Amino acid sequence: MSAELATVHKRRSGLLSNNMGIASHAWAIVDAFGASQIGFWPIFVGGHRFVLAIAGTPHFNQAEFVSLAWILTTRYVKKGD
């Protein structure tokens, strides 16, 4: 699903950013109150794009997210980039 959302985003990002002023790469399915049911959050590391699929409200200020970002950076970013 995240790959399909990435394709839609790539195709429609000009419309979103230029006409609507929305520059986000994240997508979500929300309920009638606007609360996220599931969200797809891209993480760009070096030349790679990863997507976190998170059910409910994301909590990016947790140690686990920091560890994930550190591990991905250590693995995929070459020295000098």
PDB file of N, CA and C in Angstrom:
ATOM      1  N   MET A   1       0.820  -1.188   0.000  1.00  0.00           N
ATOM      2  CA  MET A   1       0.000   0.000   0.000  1.00  0.00           C
ATOM      3  C   MET A   1       0.865   1.253   0.000  1.00  0.00           C
ATOM      4  N   SER A   2       1.979   1.205   0.761  1.00  0.00           N
ATOM      5  CA  SER A   2       2.830   2.400   0.814  1.00  0.00           C
ATOM      6  C   SER A   2       3.447   2.689  -0.546  1.00  0.00           C
ATOM      7  N   ALA A   3       3.761   1.663  -1.328  1.00  0.00           N
ATOM      8  CA  ALA A   3       4.314   1.876  -2.664  1.00  0.00           C
ATOM      9  C   ALA A   3       3.289   2.546  -3.575  1.00  0.00           C
ATOM     10  N   GLU A   4       2.036   2.143  -3.461  1.00  0.00           N
ATOM     11  CA  GLU A   4       0.982   2.769  -4.257  1.00  0.00           C
ATOM     12  C   GLU A   4       0.765   4.221  -3.834  1.00  0.00           C
ATOM     13  N   LEU A   5       0.809   4.482  -2.535  1.00  0.00           N
ATOM     14  CA  LEU A   5       0.681   5.864  -2.058  1.00  0.00           C
ATOM     15  C   LEU A   5       1.848   6.718  -2.545  1.00  0.00           C
ATOM     16  N   ALA A   6       3.044   6.146  -2.577  1.00  0.00           N
ATOM     17  CA  ALA A   6       4.211   6.878  -3.079  1.00  0.00           C
ATOM     18  C   ALA A   6       4.025   7.238  -4.550  1.00  0.00           C
ATOM     19  N   THR A   7       3.453   6.326  -5.325  1.00  0.00           N
ATOM     20  CA  THR A   7       3.192   6.591  -6.741  1.00  0.00           C
ATOM     21  C   THR A   7       2.163   7.696  -6.905  1.00  0.00           C
ATOM     22  N   VAL A   8       1.088   7.633  -6.144  1.00  0.00           N
ATOM     23  CA  VAL A   8       0.059   8.681  -6.194  1.00  0.00           C
ATOM     24  C   VAL A   8       0.651  10.017  -5.768  1.00  0.00           C
ATOM     25  N   HIS A   9       1.454  10.003  -4.709  1.00  0.00           N
ATOM     26  CA  HIS A   9       2.060  11.244  -4.232  1.00  0.00           C
ATOM     27  C   HIS A   9       2.990  11.845  -5.290  1.00  0.00           C
ATOM     28  N   LYS A  10       3.785  11.003  -5.917  1.00  0.00           N
ATOM     29  CA  LYS A  10       4.708  11.483  -6.955  1.00  0.00           C
ATOM     30  C   LYS A  10       3.929  12.118  -8.107  1.00  0.00           C
ATOM     31  N   ARG A  11       2.818  11.494  -8.469  1.00  0.00           N
ATOM     32  CA  ARG A  11       1.999  11.977  -9.572  1.00  0.00           C
ATOM     33  C   ARG A  11       1.263  13.264  -9.215  1.00  0.00           C
ATOM     34  N   ARG A  12       0.854  13.421  -7.953  1.00  0.00           N
ATOM     35  CA  ARG A  12       0.006  14.547  -7.553  1.00  0.00           C
ATOM     36  C   ARG A  12       0.691  15.575  -6.653  1.00  0.00           C
ATOM     37  N   SER A  13       1.981  15.426  -6.376  1.00  0.00           N
ATOM     38  CA  SER A  13       2.650  16.327  -5.439  1.00  0.00           C
ATOM     39  C   SER A  13       2.657  17.769  -5.928  1.00  0.00           C
ATOM     40  N   GLY A  14       2.718  17.988  -7.239  1.00  0.00           N
ATOM     41  CA  GLY A  14       2.650  19.350  -7.776  1.00  0.00           C
ATOM     42  C   GLY A  14       1.332  20.008  -7.442  1.00  0.00           C
ATOM     43  N   LEU A  15       0.242  19.291  -7.603  1.00  0.00           N
ATOM     44  CA  LEU A  15      -1.076  19.816  -7.260  1.00  0.00           C
ATOM     45  C   LEU A  15      -1.167  20.131  -5.777  1.00  0.00           C
ATOM     46  N   LEU A  16      -0.689  19.202  -4.948  1.00  0.00           N
ATOM     47  CA  LEU A  16      -0.760  19.405  -3.502  1.00  0.00           C
ATOM     48  C   LEU A  16       0.065  20.600  -3.051  1.00  0.00           C
ATOM     49  N   SER A  17       1.301  20.706  -3.527  1.00  0.00           N
ATOM     50  CA  SER A  17       2.164  21.783  -3.038  1.00  0.00           C
ATOM     51  C   SER A  17       1.879  23.114  -3.725  1.00  0.00           C
ATOM     52  N   ASN A  18       1.707  23.114  -5.027  1.00  0.00           N
ATOM     53  CA  ASN A  18       1.514  24.374  -5.752  1.00  0.00           C
ATOM     54  C   ASN A  18       0.125  24.967  -5.582  1.00  0.00           C
ATOM     55  N   ASN A  19      -0.904  24.159  -5.662  1.00  0.00           N
ATOM     56  CA  ASN A  19      -2.275  24.673  -5.617  1.00  0.00           C
ATOM     57  C   ASN A  19      -2.864  24.716  -4.220  1.00  0.00           C
ATOM     58  N   MET A  20      -2.447  23.783  -3.366  1.00  0.00           N
ATOM     59  CA  MET A  20      -3.057  23.690  -2.046  1.00  0.00           C
ATOM     60  C   MET A  20      -2.109  24.083  -0.925  1.00  0.00           C
ATOM     61  N   GLY A  21      -0.821  24.243  -1.229  1.00  0.00           N
ATOM     62  CA  GLY A  21       0.156  24.620  -0.210  1.00  0.00           C
ATOM     63  C   GLY A  21       0.485  23.515   0.774  1.00  0.00           C
ATOM     64  N   ILE A  22       0.275  22.259   0.363  1.00  0.00           N
ATOM     65  CA  ILE A  22       0.556  21.113   1.234  1.00  0.00           C
ATOM     66  C   ILE A  22       1.847  20.463   0.754  1.00  0.00           C
ATOM     67  N   ALA A  23       2.901  20.555   1.576  1.00  0.00           N
ATOM     68  CA  ALA A  23       4.204  20.037   1.167  1.00  0.00           C
ATOM     69  C   ALA A  23       4.563  18.734   1.880  1.00  0.00           C
ATOM     70  N   SER A  24       3.649  18.131   2.576  1.00  0.00           N
ATOM     71  CA  SER A  24       3.930  16.908   3.323  1.00  0.00           C
ATOM     72  C   SER A  24       4.016  15.703   2.391  1.00  0.00           C
ATOM     73  N   HIS A  25       4.795  14.713   2.794  1.00  0.00           N
ATOM     74  CA  HIS A  25       4.874  13.448   2.073  1.00  0.00           C
ATOM     75  C   HIS A  25       4.074  12.356   2.778  1.00  0.00           C
ATOM     76  N   ALA A  26       3.561  12.639   3.955  1.00  0.00           N
ATOM     77  CA  ALA A  26       2.830  11.640   4.741  1.00  0.00           C
ATOM     78  C   ALA A  26       1.380  11.552   4.282  1.00  0.00           C
ATOM     79  N   TRP A  27       0.822  10.367   4.415  1.00  0.00           N
ATOM     80  CA  TRP A  27      -0.583  10.126   4.091  1.00  0.00           C
ATOM     81  C   TRP A  27      -1.211   9.390   5.269  1.00  0.00           C
ATOM     82  N   ALA A  28      -2.510   9.597   5.483  1.00  0.00           N
ATOM     83  CA  ALA A  28      -3.190   8.919   6.587  1.00  0.00           C
ATOM     84  C   ALA A  28      -4.624   8.613   6.220  1.00  0.00           C
ATOM     85  N   ILE A  29      -5.153   7.613   6.869  1.00  0.00           N
ATOM     86  CA  ILE A  29      -6.588   7.318   6.830  1.00  0.00           C
ATOM     87  C   ILE A  29      -7.117   7.758   8.181  1.00  0.00           C
ATOM     88  N   VAL A  30      -8.064   8.689   8.160  1.00  0.00           N
ATOM     89  CA  VAL A  30      -8.568   9.268   9.405  1.00  0.00           C
ATOM     90  C   VAL A  30     -10.043   8.928   9.594  1.00  0.00           C
ATOM     91  N   ASP A  31     -10.488   9.000  10.857  1.00  0.00           N
ATOM     92  CA  ASP A  31     -11.895   8.766  11.139  1.00  0.00           C
ATOM     93  C   ASP A  31     -12.678  10.073  10.976  1.00  0.00           C
ATOM     94  N   ALA A  32     -13.957  10.052  11.298  1.00  0.00           N
ATOM     95  CA  ALA A  32     -14.822  11.220  11.129  1.00  0.00           C
ATOM     96  C   ALA A  32     -14.396  12.408  11.986  1.00  0.00           C
ATOM     97  N   PHE A  33     -13.610  12.164  13.021  1.00  0.00           N
ATOM     98  CA  PHE A  33     -13.152  13.233  13.902  1.00  0.00           C
ATOM     99  C   PHE A  33     -11.768  13.750  13.517  1.00  0.00           C
ATOM    100  N   GLY A  34     -11.158  13.168  12.485  1.00  0.00           N
ATOM    101  CA  GLY A  34      -9.835  13.579  12.036  1.00  0.00           C
ATOM    102  C   GLY A  34      -8.696  12.861  12.737  1.00  0.00           C
ATOM    103  N   ALA A  35      -9.008  11.902  13.575  1.00  0.00           N
ATOM    104  CA  ALA A  35      -7.963  11.134  14.269  1.00  0.00           C
ATOM    105  C   ALA A  35      -7.428  10.055  13.326  1.00  0.00           C
ATOM    106  N   SER A  36      -6.128   9.898  13.309  1.00  0.00           N
ATOM    107  CA  SER A  36      -5.488   8.934  12.412  1.00  0.00           C
ATOM    108  C   SER A  36      -5.835   7.503  12.806  1.00  0.00           C
ATOM    109  N   GLN A  37      -6.279   6.739  11.829  1.00  0.00           N
ATOM    110  CA  GLN A  37      -6.489   5.308  12.022  1.00  0.00           C
ATOM    111  C   GLN A  37      -5.216   4.554  11.645  1.00  0.00           C
ATOM    112  N   ILE A  38      -4.627   4.980  10.524  1.00  0.00           N
ATOM    113  CA  ILE A  38      -3.320   4.466  10.102  1.00  0.00           C
ATOM    114  C   ILE A  38      -2.660   5.563   9.275  1.00  0.00           C
ATOM    115  N   GLY A  39      -1.359   5.739   9.499  1.00  0.00           N
ATOM    116  CA  GLY A  39      -0.614   6.754   8.770  1.00  0.00           C
ATOM    117  C   GLY A  39       0.617   6.146   8.130  1.00  0.00           C
ATOM    118  N   PHE A  40       1.009   6.706   7.015  1.00  0.00           N
ATOM    119  CA  PHE A  40       2.192   6.258   6.290  1.00  0.00           C
ATOM    120  C   PHE A  40       3.171   7.423   6.262  1.00  0.00           C
ATOM    121  N   TRP A  41       4.272   7.267   6.989  1.00  0.00           N
ATOM    122  CA  TRP A  41       5.228   8.343   7.228  1.00  0.00           C
ATOM    123  C   TRP A  41       6.555   8.002   6.571  1.00  0.00           C
ATOM    124  N   PRO A  42       6.945   8.757   5.546  1.00  0.00           N
ATOM    125  CA  PRO A  42       8.224   8.468   4.896  1.00  0.00           C
ATOM    126  C   PRO A  42       9.401   8.977   5.718  1.00  0.00           C
ATOM    127  N   ILE A  43      10.485   8.237   5.644  1.00  0.00           N
ATOM    128  CA  ILE A  43      11.755   8.637   6.243  1.00  0.00           C
ATOM    129  C   ILE A  43      12.779   8.582   5.117  1.00  0.00           C
ATOM    130  N   PHE A  44      13.405   9.709   4.834  1.00  0.00           N
ATOM    131  CA  PHE A  44      14.410   9.789   3.785  1.00  0.00           C
ATOM    132  C   PHE A  44      15.790   9.716   4.430  1.00  0.00           C
ATOM    133  N   VAL A  45      16.551   8.687   4.074  1.00  0.00           N
ATOM    134  CA  VAL A  45      17.889   8.470   4.629  1.00  0.00           C
ATOM    135  C   VAL A  45      18.838   8.295   3.457  1.00  0.00           C
ATOM    136  N   GLY A  46      19.741   9.254   3.288  1.00  0.00           N
ATOM    137  CA  GLY A  46      20.615   9.203   2.125  1.00  0.00           C
ATOM    138  C   GLY A  46      19.764   9.231   0.872  1.00  0.00           C
ATOM    139  N   GLY A  47      19.990   8.320  -0.040  1.00  0.00           N
ATOM    140  CA  GLY A  47      19.190   8.236  -1.255  1.00  0.00           C
ATOM    141  C   GLY A  47      18.029   7.262  -1.148  1.00  0.00           C
ATOM    142  N   HIS A  48      17.743   6.791   0.057  1.00  0.00           N
ATOM    143  CA  HIS A  48      16.713   5.777   0.269  1.00  0.00           C
ATOM    144  C   HIS A  48      15.463   6.396   0.875  1.00  0.00           C
ATOM    145  N   ARG A  49      14.328   5.759   0.574  1.00  0.00           N
ATOM    146  CA  ARG A  49      13.047   6.172   1.143  1.00  0.00           C
ATOM    147  C   ARG A  49      12.444   4.971   1.863  1.00  0.00           C
ATOM    148  N   PHE A  50      12.188   5.152   3.153  1.00  0.00           N
ATOM    149  CA  PHE A  50      11.539   4.123   3.950  1.00  0.00           C
ATOM    150  C   PHE A  50      10.188   4.679   4.390  1.00  0.00           C
ATOM    151  N   VAL A  51       9.232   3.803   4.629  1.00  0.00           N
ATOM    152  CA  VAL A  51       7.920   4.245   5.074  1.00  0.00           C
ATOM    153  C   VAL A  51       7.537   3.495   6.346  1.00  0.00           C
ATOM    154  N   LEU A  52       7.192   4.265   7.370  1.00  0.00           N
ATOM    155  CA  LEU A  52       6.655   3.683   8.596  1.00  0.00           C
ATOM    156  C   LEU A  52       5.138   3.682   8.491  1.00  0.00           C
ATOM    157  N   ALA A  53       4.533   2.547   8.705  1.00  0.00           N
ATOM    158  CA  ALA A  53       3.071   2.457   8.778  1.00  0.00           C
ATOM    159  C   ALA A  53       2.726   2.385  10.257  1.00  0.00           C
ATOM    160  N   ILE A  54       2.005   3.390  10.734  1.00  0.00           N
ATOM    161  CA  ILE A  54       1.716   3.494  12.165  1.00  0.00           C
ATOM    162  C   ILE A  54       0.208   3.546  12.368  1.00  0.00           C
ATOM    163  N   ALA A  55      -0.300   2.614  13.151  1.00  0.00           N
ATOM    164  CA  ALA A  55      -1.722   2.619  13.503  1.00  0.00           C
ATOM    165  C   ALA A  55      -1.927   3.592  14.663  1.00  0.00           C
ATOM    166  N   GLY A  56      -2.945   4.421  14.555  1.00  0.00           N
ATOM    167  CA  GLY A  56      -3.238   5.381  15.618  1.00  0.00           C
ATOM    168  C   GLY A  56      -2.352   6.610  15.526  1.00  0.00           C
ATOM    169  N   THR A  57      -2.271   7.323  16.623  1.00  0.00           N
ATOM    170  CA  THR A  57      -1.481   8.552  16.687  1.00  0.00           C
ATOM    171  C   THR A  57       0.006   8.218  16.773  1.00  0.00           C
ATOM    172  N   PRO A  58       0.824   8.806  15.895  1.00  0.00           N
ATOM    173  CA  PRO A  58       2.261   8.531  15.974  1.00  0.00           C
ATOM    174  C   PRO A  58       2.892   9.265  17.153  1.00  0.00           C
ATOM    175  N   HIS A  59       3.875   8.629  17.740  1.00  0.00           N
ATOM    176  CA  HIS A  59       4.633   9.225  18.848  1.00  0.00           C
ATOM    177  C   HIS A  59       6.111   9.169  18.467  1.00  0.00           C
ATOM    178  N   PHE A  60       6.539  10.174  17.711  1.00  0.00           N
ATOM    179  CA  PHE A  60       7.907  10.179  17.204  1.00  0.00           C
ATOM    180  C   PHE A  60       8.927  10.598  18.250  1.00  0.00           C
ATOM    181  N   ASN A  61       8.487  11.089  19.376  1.00  0.00           N
ATOM    182  CA  ASN A  61       9.428  11.541  20.404  1.00  0.00           C
ATOM    183  C   ASN A  61       9.756  10.432  21.407  1.00  0.00           C
ATOM    184  N   GLN A  62       9.806   9.207  20.932  1.00  0.00           N
ATOM    185  CA  GLN A  62      10.129   8.052  21.765  1.00  0.00           C
ATOM    186  C   GLN A  62      11.533   7.551  21.450  1.00  0.00           C
ATOM    187  N   ALA A  63      12.164   6.924  22.418  1.00  0.00           N
ATOM    188  CA  ALA A  63      13.523   6.406  22.241  1.00  0.00           C
ATOM    189  C   ALA A  63      13.604   5.387  21.106  1.00  0.00           C
ATOM    190  N   GLU A  64      12.558   4.615  20.891  1.00  0.00           N
ATOM    191  CA  GLU A  64      12.565   3.596  19.846  1.00  0.00           C
ATOM    192  C   GLU A  64      12.662   4.234  18.460  1.00  0.00           C
ATOM    193  N   PHE A  65      11.978   5.359  18.256  1.00  0.00           N
ATOM    194  CA  PHE A  65      12.053   6.043  16.966  1.00  0.00           C
ATOM    195  C   PHE A  65      13.447   6.625  16.746  1.00  0.00           C
ATOM    196  N   VAL A  66      14.027   7.190  17.776  1.00  0.00           N
ATOM    197  CA  VAL A  66      15.390   7.726  17.685  1.00  0.00           C
ATOM    198  C   VAL A  66      16.368   6.597  17.349  1.00  0.00           C
ATOM    199  N   SER A  67      16.208   5.447  17.973  1.00  0.00           N
ATOM    200  CA  SER A  67      17.065   4.294  17.683  1.00  0.00           C
ATOM    201  C   SER A  67      16.910   3.837  16.235  1.00  0.00           C
ATOM    202  N   LEU A  68      15.677   3.797  15.750  1.00  0.00           N
ATOM    203  CA  LEU A  68      15.428   3.407  14.365  1.00  0.00           C
ATOM    204  C   LEU A  68      16.113   4.382  13.411  1.00  0.00           C
ATOM    205  N   ALA A  69      15.954   5.676  13.649  1.00  0.00           N
ATOM    206  CA  ALA A  69      16.586   6.680  12.787  1.00  0.00           C
ATOM    207  C   ALA A  69      18.104   6.536  12.819  1.00  0.00           C
ATOM    208  N   TRP A  70      18.666   6.295  13.992  1.00  0.00           N
ATOM    209  CA  TRP A  70      20.115   6.132  14.122  1.00  0.00           C
ATOM    210  C   TRP A  70      20.601   4.897  13.362  1.00  0.00           C
ATOM    211  N   ILE A  71      19.901   3.785  13.513  1.00  0.00           N
ATOM    212  CA  ILE A  71      20.292   2.543  12.834  1.00  0.00           C
ATOM    213  C   ILE A  71      20.221   2.700  11.322  1.00  0.00           C
ATOM    214  N   LEU A  72      19.147   3.303  10.814  1.00  0.00           N
ATOM    215  CA  LEU A  72      19.021   3.512   9.371  1.00  0.00           C
ATOM    216  C   LEU A  72      20.110   4.439   8.849  1.00  0.00           C
ATOM    217  N   THR A  73      20.403   5.486   9.589  1.00  0.00           N
ATOM    218  CA  THR A  73      21.454   6.423   9.178  1.00  0.00           C
ATOM    219  C   THR A  73      22.815   5.743   9.170  1.00  0.00           C
ATOM    220  N   THR A  74      23.108   4.977  10.215  1.00  0.00           N
ATOM    221  CA  THR A  74      24.374   4.262  10.297  1.00  0.00           C
ATOM    222  C   THR A  74      24.528   3.277   9.143  1.00  0.00           C
ATOM    223  N   ARG A  75      23.448   2.624   8.788  1.00  0.00           N
ATOM    224  CA  ARG A  75      23.499   1.590   7.745  1.00  0.00           C
ATOM    225  C   ARG A  75      23.520   2.168   6.330  1.00  0.00           C
ATOM    226  N   TYR A  76      22.740   3.219   6.051  1.00  0.00           N
ATOM    227  CA  TYR A  76      22.515   3.651   4.685  1.00  0.00           C
ATOM    228  C   TYR A  76      23.188   4.958   4.271  1.00  0.00           C
ATOM    229  N   VAL A  77      23.774   5.697   5.191  1.00  0.00           N
ATOM    230  CA  VAL A  77      24.468   6.935   4.816  1.00  0.00           C
ATOM    231  C   VAL A  77      25.967   6.678   4.839  1.00  0.00           C
ATOM    232  N   LYS A  78      26.589   6.930   3.704  1.00  0.00           N
ATOM    233  CA  LYS A  78      28.025   6.735   3.608  1.00  0.00           C
ATOM    234  C   LYS A  78      28.747   7.962   4.145  1.00  0.00           C
ATOM    235  N   LYS A  79      29.918   7.768   4.690  1.00  0.00           N
ATOM    236  CA  LYS A  79      30.709   8.891   5.193  1.00  0.00           C
ATOM    237  C   LYS A  79      31.015   9.844   4.056  1.00  0.00           C
ATOM    238  N   GLY A  80      30.893  11.135   4.337  1.00  0.00           N
ATOM    239  CA  GLY A  80      31.137  12.153   3.325  1.00  0.00           C
ATOM    240  C   GLY A  80      29.872  12.617   2.626  1.00  0.00           C
ATOM    241  N   ASP A  81      28.728  11.946   2.862  1.00  0.00           N
ATOM    242  CA  ASP A  81      27.457  12.377   2.250  1.00  0.00           C
ATOM    243  C   ASP A  81      26.873  13.538   3.017  1.00  0.00           C
TER     244      ASP A  81
END
